[in-house]
Amino acid sequence: MGISAINNPENKRTNAIRYTALNAEDTMKG
């Protein structure tokens, strides 16, 4: 994650969605 990711709200939103999906997957696995 560089400066471009911090300055780009679209990247931040994409990363948030990606992490949320990964966390949901872990939760379903138990």
PDB file of N, CA and C in Angstrom:
ATOM      1  N   MET A   1       0.847  -1.191   0.000  1.00  0.00           N
ATOM      2  CA  MET A   1       0.000   0.000   0.000  1.00  0.00           C
ATOM      3  C   MET A   1       0.884   1.243   0.000  1.00  0.00           C
ATOM      4  N   GLY A   2       0.824   1.984  -1.050  1.00  0.00           N
ATOM      5  CA  GLY A   2       1.630   3.197  -1.116  1.00  0.00           C
ATOM      6  C   GLY A   2       0.784   4.436  -0.956  1.00  0.00           C
ATOM      7  N   ILE A   3       1.397   5.550  -1.292  1.00  0.00           N
ATOM      8  CA  ILE A   3       0.702   6.835  -1.163  1.00  0.00           C
ATOM      9  C   ILE A   3      -0.509   6.872  -2.092  1.00  0.00           C
ATOM     10  N   SER A   4      -0.389   6.268  -3.268  1.00  0.00           N
ATOM     11  CA  SER A   4      -1.490   6.312  -4.233  1.00  0.00           C
ATOM     12  C   SER A   4      -2.748   5.654  -3.665  1.00  0.00           C
ATOM     13  N   ALA A   5      -2.574   4.582  -2.916  1.00  0.00           N
ATOM     14  CA  ALA A   5      -3.727   3.900  -2.327  1.00  0.00           C
ATOM     15  C   ALA A   5      -4.384   4.781  -1.273  1.00  0.00           C
ATOM     16  N   ILE A   6      -3.558   5.498  -0.518  1.00  0.00           N
ATOM     17  CA  ILE A   6      -4.096   6.378   0.530  1.00  0.00           C
ATOM     18  C   ILE A   6      -4.845   7.546  -0.105  1.00  0.00           C
ATOM     19  N   ASN A   7      -4.327   8.056  -1.215  1.00  0.00           N
ATOM     20  CA  ASN A   7      -4.920   9.229  -1.848  1.00  0.00           C
ATOM     21  C   ASN A   7      -6.112   8.882  -2.727  1.00  0.00           C
ATOM     22  N   ASN A   8      -6.338   7.606  -2.988  1.00  0.00           N
ATOM     23  CA  ASN A   8      -7.399   7.216  -3.904  1.00  0.00           C
ATOM     24  C   ASN A   8      -8.558   6.581  -3.137  1.00  0.00           C
ATOM     25  N   PRO A   9      -9.670   7.303  -2.958  1.00  0.00           N
ATOM     26  CA  PRO A   9     -10.810   6.774  -2.198  1.00  0.00           C
ATOM     27  C   PRO A   9     -11.367   5.496  -2.821  1.00  0.00           C
ATOM     28  N   GLU A  10     -11.291   5.367  -4.126  1.00  0.00           N
ATOM     29  CA  GLU A  10     -11.812   4.176  -4.799  1.00  0.00           C
ATOM     30  C   GLU A  10     -11.016   2.951  -4.365  1.00  0.00           C
ATOM     31  N   ASN A  11      -9.689   3.098  -4.258  1.00  0.00           N
ATOM     32  CA  ASN A  11      -8.861   1.983  -3.788  1.00  0.00           C
ATOM     33  C   ASN A  11      -9.204   1.631  -2.350  1.00  0.00           C
ATOM     34  N   LYS A  12      -9.402   2.651  -1.524  1.00  0.00           N
ATOM     35  CA  LYS A  12      -9.754   2.402  -0.126  1.00  0.00           C
ATOM     36  C   LYS A  12     -11.060   1.623  -0.042  1.00  0.00           C
ATOM     37  N   ARG A  13     -12.039   2.016  -0.856  1.00  0.00           N
ATOM     38  CA  ARG A  13     -13.341   1.356  -0.821  1.00  0.00           C
ATOM     39  C   ARG A  13     -13.209  -0.083  -1.291  1.00  0.00           C
ATOM     40  N   THR A  14     -12.431  -0.308  -2.342  1.00  0.00           N
ATOM     41  CA  THR A  14     -12.218  -1.660  -2.860  1.00  0.00           C
ATOM     42  C   THR A  14     -11.538  -2.533  -1.813  1.00  0.00           C
ATOM     43  N   ASN A  15     -10.546  -1.974  -1.142  1.00  0.00           N
ATOM     44  CA  ASN A  15      -9.840  -2.730  -0.108  1.00  0.00           C
ATOM     45  C   ASN A  15     -10.766  -3.052   1.046  1.00  0.00           C
ATOM     46  N   ALA A  16     -11.620  -2.109   1.424  1.00  0.00           N
ATOM     47  CA  ALA A  16     -12.558  -2.346   2.520  1.00  0.00           C
ATOM     48  C   ALA A  16     -13.505  -3.489   2.162  1.00  0.00           C
ATOM     49  N   ILE A  17     -13.993  -3.503   0.934  1.00  0.00           N
ATOM     50  CA  ILE A  17     -14.886  -4.581   0.487  1.00  0.00           C
ATOM     51  C   ILE A  17     -14.152  -5.914   0.505  1.00  0.00           C
ATOM     52  N   ARG A  18     -12.898  -5.901   0.040  1.00  0.00           N
ATOM     53  CA  ARG A  18     -12.106  -7.129  -0.024  1.00  0.00           C
ATOM     54  C   ARG A  18     -11.877  -7.688   1.384  1.00  0.00           C
ATOM     55  N   TYR A  19     -11.497  -6.829   2.314  1.00  0.00           N
ATOM     56  CA  TYR A  19     -11.239  -7.292   3.681  1.00  0.00           C
ATOM     57  C   TYR A  19     -12.524  -7.769   4.338  1.00  0.00           C
ATOM     58  N   THR A  20     -13.634  -7.081   4.073  1.00  0.00           N
ATOM     59  CA  THR A  20     -14.919  -7.491   4.648  1.00  0.00           C
ATOM     60  C   THR A  20     -15.297  -8.880   4.148  1.00  0.00           C
ATOM     61  N   ALA A  21     -15.078  -9.131   2.866  1.00  0.00           N
ATOM     62  CA  ALA A  21     -15.394 -10.438   2.295  1.00  0.00           C
ATOM     63  C   ALA A  21     -14.519 -11.518   2.930  1.00  0.00           C
ATOM     64  N   LEU A  22     -13.232 -11.228   3.121  1.00  0.00           N
ATOM     65  CA  LEU A  22     -12.336 -12.207   3.737  1.00  0.00           C
ATOM     66  C   LEU A  22     -12.755 -12.488   5.177  1.00  0.00           C
ATOM     67  N   ASN A  23     -13.125 -11.444   5.906  1.00  0.00           N
ATOM     68  CA  ASN A  23     -13.544 -11.624   7.290  1.00  0.00           C
ATOM     69  C   ASN A  23     -14.833 -12.437   7.363  1.00  0.00           C
ATOM     70  N   ALA A  24     -15.755 -12.189   6.449  1.00  0.00           N
ATOM     71  CA  ALA A  24     -17.011 -12.943   6.423  1.00  0.00           C
ATOM     72  C   ALA A  24     -16.725 -14.418   6.153  1.00  0.00           C
ATOM     73  N   GLU A  25     -15.783 -14.678   5.277  1.00  0.00           N
ATOM     74  CA  GLU A  25     -15.421 -16.054   4.942  1.00  0.00           C
ATOM     75  C   GLU A  25     -14.859 -16.763   6.180  1.00  0.00           C
ATOM     76  N   ASP A  26     -13.989 -16.083   6.901  1.00  0.00           N
ATOM     77  CA  ASP A  26     -13.402 -16.657   8.117  1.00  0.00           C
ATOM     78  C   ASP A  26     -14.491 -16.927   9.147  1.00  0.00           C
ATOM     79  N   THR A  27     -15.448 -16.019   9.254  1.00  0.00           N
ATOM     80  CA  THR A  27     -16.528 -16.177  10.231  1.00  0.00           C
ATOM     81  C   THR A  27     -17.381 -17.404   9.891  1.00  0.00           C
ATOM     82  N   MET A  28     -17.634 -17.600   8.609  1.00  0.00           N
ATOM     83  CA  MET A  28     -18.452 -18.750   8.194  1.00  0.00           C
ATOM     84  C   MET A  28     -17.727 -20.070   8.471  1.00  0.00           C
ATOM     85  N   LYS A  29     -16.417 -20.062   8.326  1.00  0.00           N
ATOM     86  CA  LYS A  29     -15.638 -21.272   8.609  1.00  0.00           C
ATOM     87  C   LYS A  29     -15.666 -21.600  10.103  1.00  0.00           C
ATOM     88  N   GLY A  30     -15.858 -20.562  10.897  1.00  0.00           N
ATOM     89  CA  GLY A  30     -15.926 -20.781  12.337  1.00  0.00           C
ATOM     90  C   GLY A  30     -14.553 -20.841  12.939  1.00  0.00           C
TER      91      GLY A  30
END
